[in-house]
Amino acid sequence: MEVEIYPSDRYALAQPRGRVTGDVIVDYGRAMAYHKEWEPGFTEVWDITFSESVDVLPTDIGRFKALEEETLELLRGSRTIVIVDRPLIRMPVELYARLMRPLGRDIVPVKTREEAAALLGVSHIPVLTHPV
């Protein structure tokens, strides 16, 4: 899984490749929240720019909400930044941000890694390397 934790900068980075589905999002969410180096208050950074497609169904929303409730204590005080450069994917992220706000989640969509880096106060967001 394309997940790295940067404890000194207090964030986790997910860069899924290929087709992103509801299952993939739940798996990545758990991988970050339950990672041994994760701490409440860290920021989740989801870089969707490498995925070929994002296929989330309305039936996935309940699963996402259940994940948010499951990881509530682990994510307390955390922000989520979603790097999404395609408008058709950005709209569902914005909707999700509104749906999760009552749960105390702060989800911020941005268009570039540079924007995400500025929000985090770091020089850049790395591109994770993966075996072929």
C-alpha atoms as a PDB file:
ATOM      1  CA  MET A   1       0.000   0.000   0.000  1.00  0.00           C
ATOM      2  CA  GLU A   2       1.275   3.454  -0.883  1.00  0.00           C
ATOM      3  CA  VAL A   3       1.252   4.963   2.640  1.00  0.00           C
ATOM      4  CA  GLU A   4       4.065   6.716   4.483  1.00  0.00           C
ATOM      5  CA  ILE A   5       4.076   8.465   7.853  1.00  0.00           C
ATOM      6  CA  TYR A   6       6.196  11.577   8.462  1.00  0.00           C
ATOM      7  CA  PRO A   7       6.201  11.907  12.266  1.00  0.00           C
ATOM      8  CA  SER A   8       8.460  14.970  12.405  1.00  0.00           C
ATOM      9  CA  ASP A   9       6.076  16.838  10.077  1.00  0.00           C
ATOM     10  CA  ARG A  10       2.973  15.274  11.688  1.00  0.00           C
ATOM     11  CA  TYR A  11       1.304  13.845   8.602  1.00  0.00           C
ATOM     12  CA  ALA A  12       0.577  10.617   6.759  1.00  0.00           C
ATOM     13  CA  LEU A  13       0.589  10.375   2.978  1.00  0.00           C
ATOM     14  CA  ALA A  14      -1.471   8.013   0.847  1.00  0.00           C
ATOM     15  CA  GLN A  15      -0.930   7.877  -2.926  1.00  0.00           C
ATOM     16  CA  PRO A  16      -3.172   5.149  -4.308  1.00  0.00           C
ATOM     17  CA  ARG A  17      -2.532   4.041  -7.879  1.00  0.00           C
ATOM     18  CA  GLY A  18      -4.886   2.472 -10.368  1.00  0.00           C
ATOM     19  CA  ARG A  19      -8.626   2.317  -9.775  1.00  0.00           C
ATOM     20  CA  VAL A  20      -9.745   3.722  -6.411  1.00  0.00           C
ATOM     21  CA  THR A  21     -12.954   2.200  -5.040  1.00  0.00           C
ATOM     22  CA  GLY A  22     -14.753   2.407  -1.714  1.00  0.00           C
ATOM     23  CA  ASP A  23     -12.844  -0.672  -0.536  1.00  0.00           C
ATOM     24  CA  VAL A  24      -9.523   0.973  -1.408  1.00  0.00           C
ATOM     25  CA  ILE A  25     -10.443   4.130   0.504  1.00  0.00           C
ATOM     26  CA  VAL A  26     -11.446   2.135   3.603  1.00  0.00           C
ATOM     27  CA  ASP A  27      -8.238   0.066   3.424  1.00  0.00           C
ATOM     28  CA  TYR A  28      -6.050   3.175   3.109  1.00  0.00           C
ATOM     29  CA  GLY A  29      -7.942   4.964   5.874  1.00  0.00           C
ATOM     30  CA  ARG A  30      -7.320   2.067   8.229  1.00  0.00           C
ATOM     31  CA  ALA A  31      -3.679   1.748   7.124  1.00  0.00           C
ATOM     32  CA  MET A  32      -3.033   5.363   8.104  1.00  0.00           C
ATOM     33  CA  ALA A  33      -5.065   5.466  11.332  1.00  0.00           C
ATOM     34  CA  TYR A  34      -3.690   2.168  12.658  1.00  0.00           C
ATOM     35  CA  HIS A  35      -0.104   2.706  11.502  1.00  0.00           C
ATOM     36  CA  LYS A  36       2.342   2.288  14.397  1.00  0.00           C
ATOM     37  CA  GLU A  37       3.743   5.816  13.847  1.00  0.00           C
ATOM     38  CA  TRP A  38       0.337   7.559  13.568  1.00  0.00           C
ATOM     39  CA  GLU A  39      -0.650   9.927  16.376  1.00  0.00           C
ATOM     40  CA  PRO A  40      -3.930  11.776  16.904  1.00  0.00           C
ATOM     41  CA  GLY A  41      -3.549  15.285  15.563  1.00  0.00           C
ATOM     42  CA  PHE A  42      -1.500  14.225  12.529  1.00  0.00           C
ATOM     43  CA  THR A  43      -2.880  15.275   9.136  1.00  0.00           C
ATOM     44  CA  GLU A  44      -4.003  12.712   6.594  1.00  0.00           C
ATOM     45  CA  VAL A  45      -2.898  13.604   3.059  1.00  0.00           C
ATOM     46  CA  TRP A  46      -4.623  11.738   0.242  1.00  0.00           C
ATOM     47  CA  ASP A  47      -2.927  12.326  -3.110  1.00  0.00           C
ATOM     48  CA  ILE A  48      -5.404  11.072  -5.703  1.00  0.00           C
ATOM     49  CA  THR A  49      -3.500  12.486  -8.689  1.00  0.00           C
ATOM     50  CA  PHE A  50      -1.918   9.103  -9.494  1.00  0.00           C
ATOM     51  CA  SER A  51      -5.179   7.139  -9.660  1.00  0.00           C
ATOM     52  CA  GLU A  52      -6.625   6.284 -13.022  1.00  0.00           C
ATOM     53  CA  SER A  53     -10.196   6.533 -11.714  1.00  0.00           C
ATOM     54  CA  VAL A  54     -12.188   7.004  -8.538  1.00  0.00           C
ATOM     55  CA  ASP A  55     -15.306   4.871  -8.507  1.00  0.00           C
ATOM     56  CA  VAL A  56     -17.217   5.593  -5.330  1.00  0.00           C
ATOM     57  CA  LEU A  57     -20.834   4.529  -5.122  1.00  0.00           C
ATOM     58  CA  PRO A  58     -23.575   6.097  -2.998  1.00  0.00           C
ATOM     59  CA  THR A  59     -23.658   2.836  -1.019  1.00  0.00           C
ATOM     60  CA  ASP A  60     -20.029   3.470   0.029  1.00  0.00           C
ATOM     61  CA  ILE A  61     -20.973   6.570   2.042  1.00  0.00           C
ATOM     62  CA  GLY A  62     -22.291   4.444   4.914  1.00  0.00           C
ATOM     63  CA  ARG A  63     -19.020   2.496   4.989  1.00  0.00           C
ATOM     64  CA  PHE A  64     -17.022   5.745   5.043  1.00  0.00           C
ATOM     65  CA  LYS A  65     -19.111   7.048   7.906  1.00  0.00           C
ATOM     66  CA  ALA A  66     -18.586   3.765   9.783  1.00  0.00           C
ATOM     67  CA  LEU A  67     -14.820   4.116   9.226  1.00  0.00           C
ATOM     68  CA  GLU A  68     -14.923   7.682  10.543  1.00  0.00           C
ATOM     69  CA  GLU A  69     -16.744   6.476  13.661  1.00  0.00           C
ATOM     70  CA  GLU A  70     -14.357   3.502  14.069  1.00  0.00           C
ATOM     71  CA  THR A  71     -11.293   5.744  13.895  1.00  0.00           C
ATOM     72  CA  LEU A  72     -12.813   8.734  15.700  1.00  0.00           C
ATOM     73  CA  GLU A  73     -10.382   8.676  18.639  1.00  0.00           C
ATOM     74  CA  LEU A  74      -7.374   8.034  16.396  1.00  0.00           C
ATOM     75  CA  LEU A  75      -8.330  10.946  14.134  1.00  0.00           C
ATOM     76  CA  ARG A  76      -9.357  13.364  16.897  1.00  0.00           C
ATOM     77  CA  GLY A  77      -7.887  16.765  16.086  1.00  0.00           C
ATOM     78  CA  SER A  78      -6.747  15.602  12.659  1.00  0.00           C
ATOM     79  CA  ARG A  79      -7.246  17.337   9.360  1.00  0.00           C
ATOM     80  CA  THR A  80      -7.546  15.553   6.021  1.00  0.00           C
ATOM     81  CA  ILE A  81      -6.141  17.125   2.882  1.00  0.00           C
ATOM     82  CA  VAL A  82      -7.197  15.578  -0.423  1.00  0.00           C
ATOM     83  CA  ILE A  83      -5.116  16.443  -3.475  1.00  0.00           C
ATOM     84  CA  VAL A  84      -7.433  16.075  -6.432  1.00  0.00           C
ATOM     85  CA  ASP A  85      -6.721  17.702  -9.766  1.00  0.00           C
ATOM     86  CA  ARG A  86      -9.834  16.580 -11.662  1.00  0.00           C
ATOM     87  CA  PRO A  87     -13.098  18.522 -11.216  1.00  0.00           C
ATOM     88  CA  LEU A  88     -15.338  15.436 -11.493  1.00  0.00           C
ATOM     89  CA  ILE A  89     -13.519  13.864  -8.571  1.00  0.00           C
ATOM     90  CA  ARG A  90     -13.210  17.097  -6.619  1.00  0.00           C
ATOM     91  CA  MET A  91     -16.998  17.568  -6.407  1.00  0.00           C
ATOM     92  CA  PRO A  92     -17.594  14.299  -4.484  1.00  0.00           C
ATOM     93  CA  VAL A  93     -14.682  15.157  -2.154  1.00  0.00           C
ATOM     94  CA  GLU A  94     -16.314  18.507  -1.390  1.00  0.00           C
ATOM     95  CA  LEU A  95     -19.628  16.743  -0.716  1.00  0.00           C
ATOM     96  CA  TYR A  96     -17.890  14.249   1.571  1.00  0.00           C
ATOM     97  CA  ALA A  97     -16.252  17.120   3.452  1.00  0.00           C
ATOM     98  CA  ARG A  98     -19.692  18.617   4.128  1.00  0.00           C
ATOM     99  CA  LEU A  99     -21.134  15.237   5.211  1.00  0.00           C
ATOM    100  CA  MET A 100     -18.300  14.588   7.661  1.00  0.00           C
ATOM    101  CA  ARG A 101     -18.178  18.062   9.215  1.00  0.00           C
ATOM    102  CA  PRO A 102     -20.862  17.154  11.841  1.00  0.00           C
ATOM    103  CA  LEU A 103     -18.534  14.344  12.994  1.00  0.00           C
ATOM    104  CA  GLY A 104     -15.878  16.956  13.692  1.00  0.00           C
ATOM    105  CA  ARG A 105     -13.799  16.107  10.609  1.00  0.00           C
ATOM    106  CA  ASP A 106     -11.937  18.864   8.753  1.00  0.00           C
ATOM    107  CA  ILE A 107     -11.520  17.735   5.130  1.00  0.00           C
ATOM    108  CA  VAL A 108      -9.859  20.168   2.728  1.00  0.00           C
ATOM    109  CA  PRO A 109      -9.670  19.506  -1.019  1.00  0.00           C
ATOM    110  CA  VAL A 110      -6.741  21.110  -2.890  1.00  0.00           C
ATOM    111  CA  LYS A 111      -5.627  20.905  -6.524  1.00  0.00           C
ATOM    112  CA  THR A 112      -1.855  20.464  -6.173  1.00  0.00           C
ATOM    113  CA  ARG A 113       0.825  18.960  -3.951  1.00  0.00           C
ATOM    114  CA  GLU A 114       2.207  22.494  -3.592  1.00  0.00           C
ATOM    115  CA  GLU A 115      -1.066  23.676  -2.029  1.00  0.00           C
ATOM    116  CA  ALA A 116      -1.038  20.704   0.332  1.00  0.00           C
ATOM    117  CA  ALA A 117       2.584  21.392   1.298  1.00  0.00           C
ATOM    118  CA  ALA A 118       1.727  25.018   2.077  1.00  0.00           C
ATOM    119  CA  LEU A 119      -1.138  23.924   4.367  1.00  0.00           C
ATOM    120  CA  LEU A 120       1.205  21.529   6.155  1.00  0.00           C
ATOM    121  CA  GLY A 121       4.047  24.024   6.380  1.00  0.00           C
ATOM    122  CA  VAL A 122       6.480  21.665   4.609  1.00  0.00           C
ATOM    123  CA  SER A 123       8.667  22.299   1.558  1.00  0.00           C
ATOM    124  CA  HIS A 124       7.044  19.635  -0.624  1.00  0.00           C
ATOM    125  CA  ILE A 125       4.875  16.530  -0.729  1.00  0.00           C
ATOM    126  CA  PRO A 126       7.002  13.603  -1.902  1.00  0.00           C
ATOM    127  CA  VAL A 127       6.068  11.216  -4.672  1.00  0.00           C
ATOM    128  CA  LEU A 128       6.230   7.755  -3.180  1.00  0.00           C
ATOM    129  CA  THR A 129       8.142   5.173  -5.189  1.00  0.00           C
ATOM    130  CA  HIS A 130       6.697   1.738  -5.643  1.00  0.00           C
ATOM    131  CA  PRO A 131       7.968  -1.545  -7.027  1.00  0.00           C
ATOM    132  CA  VAL A 132       6.737  -2.247 -10.557  1.00  0.00           C
END
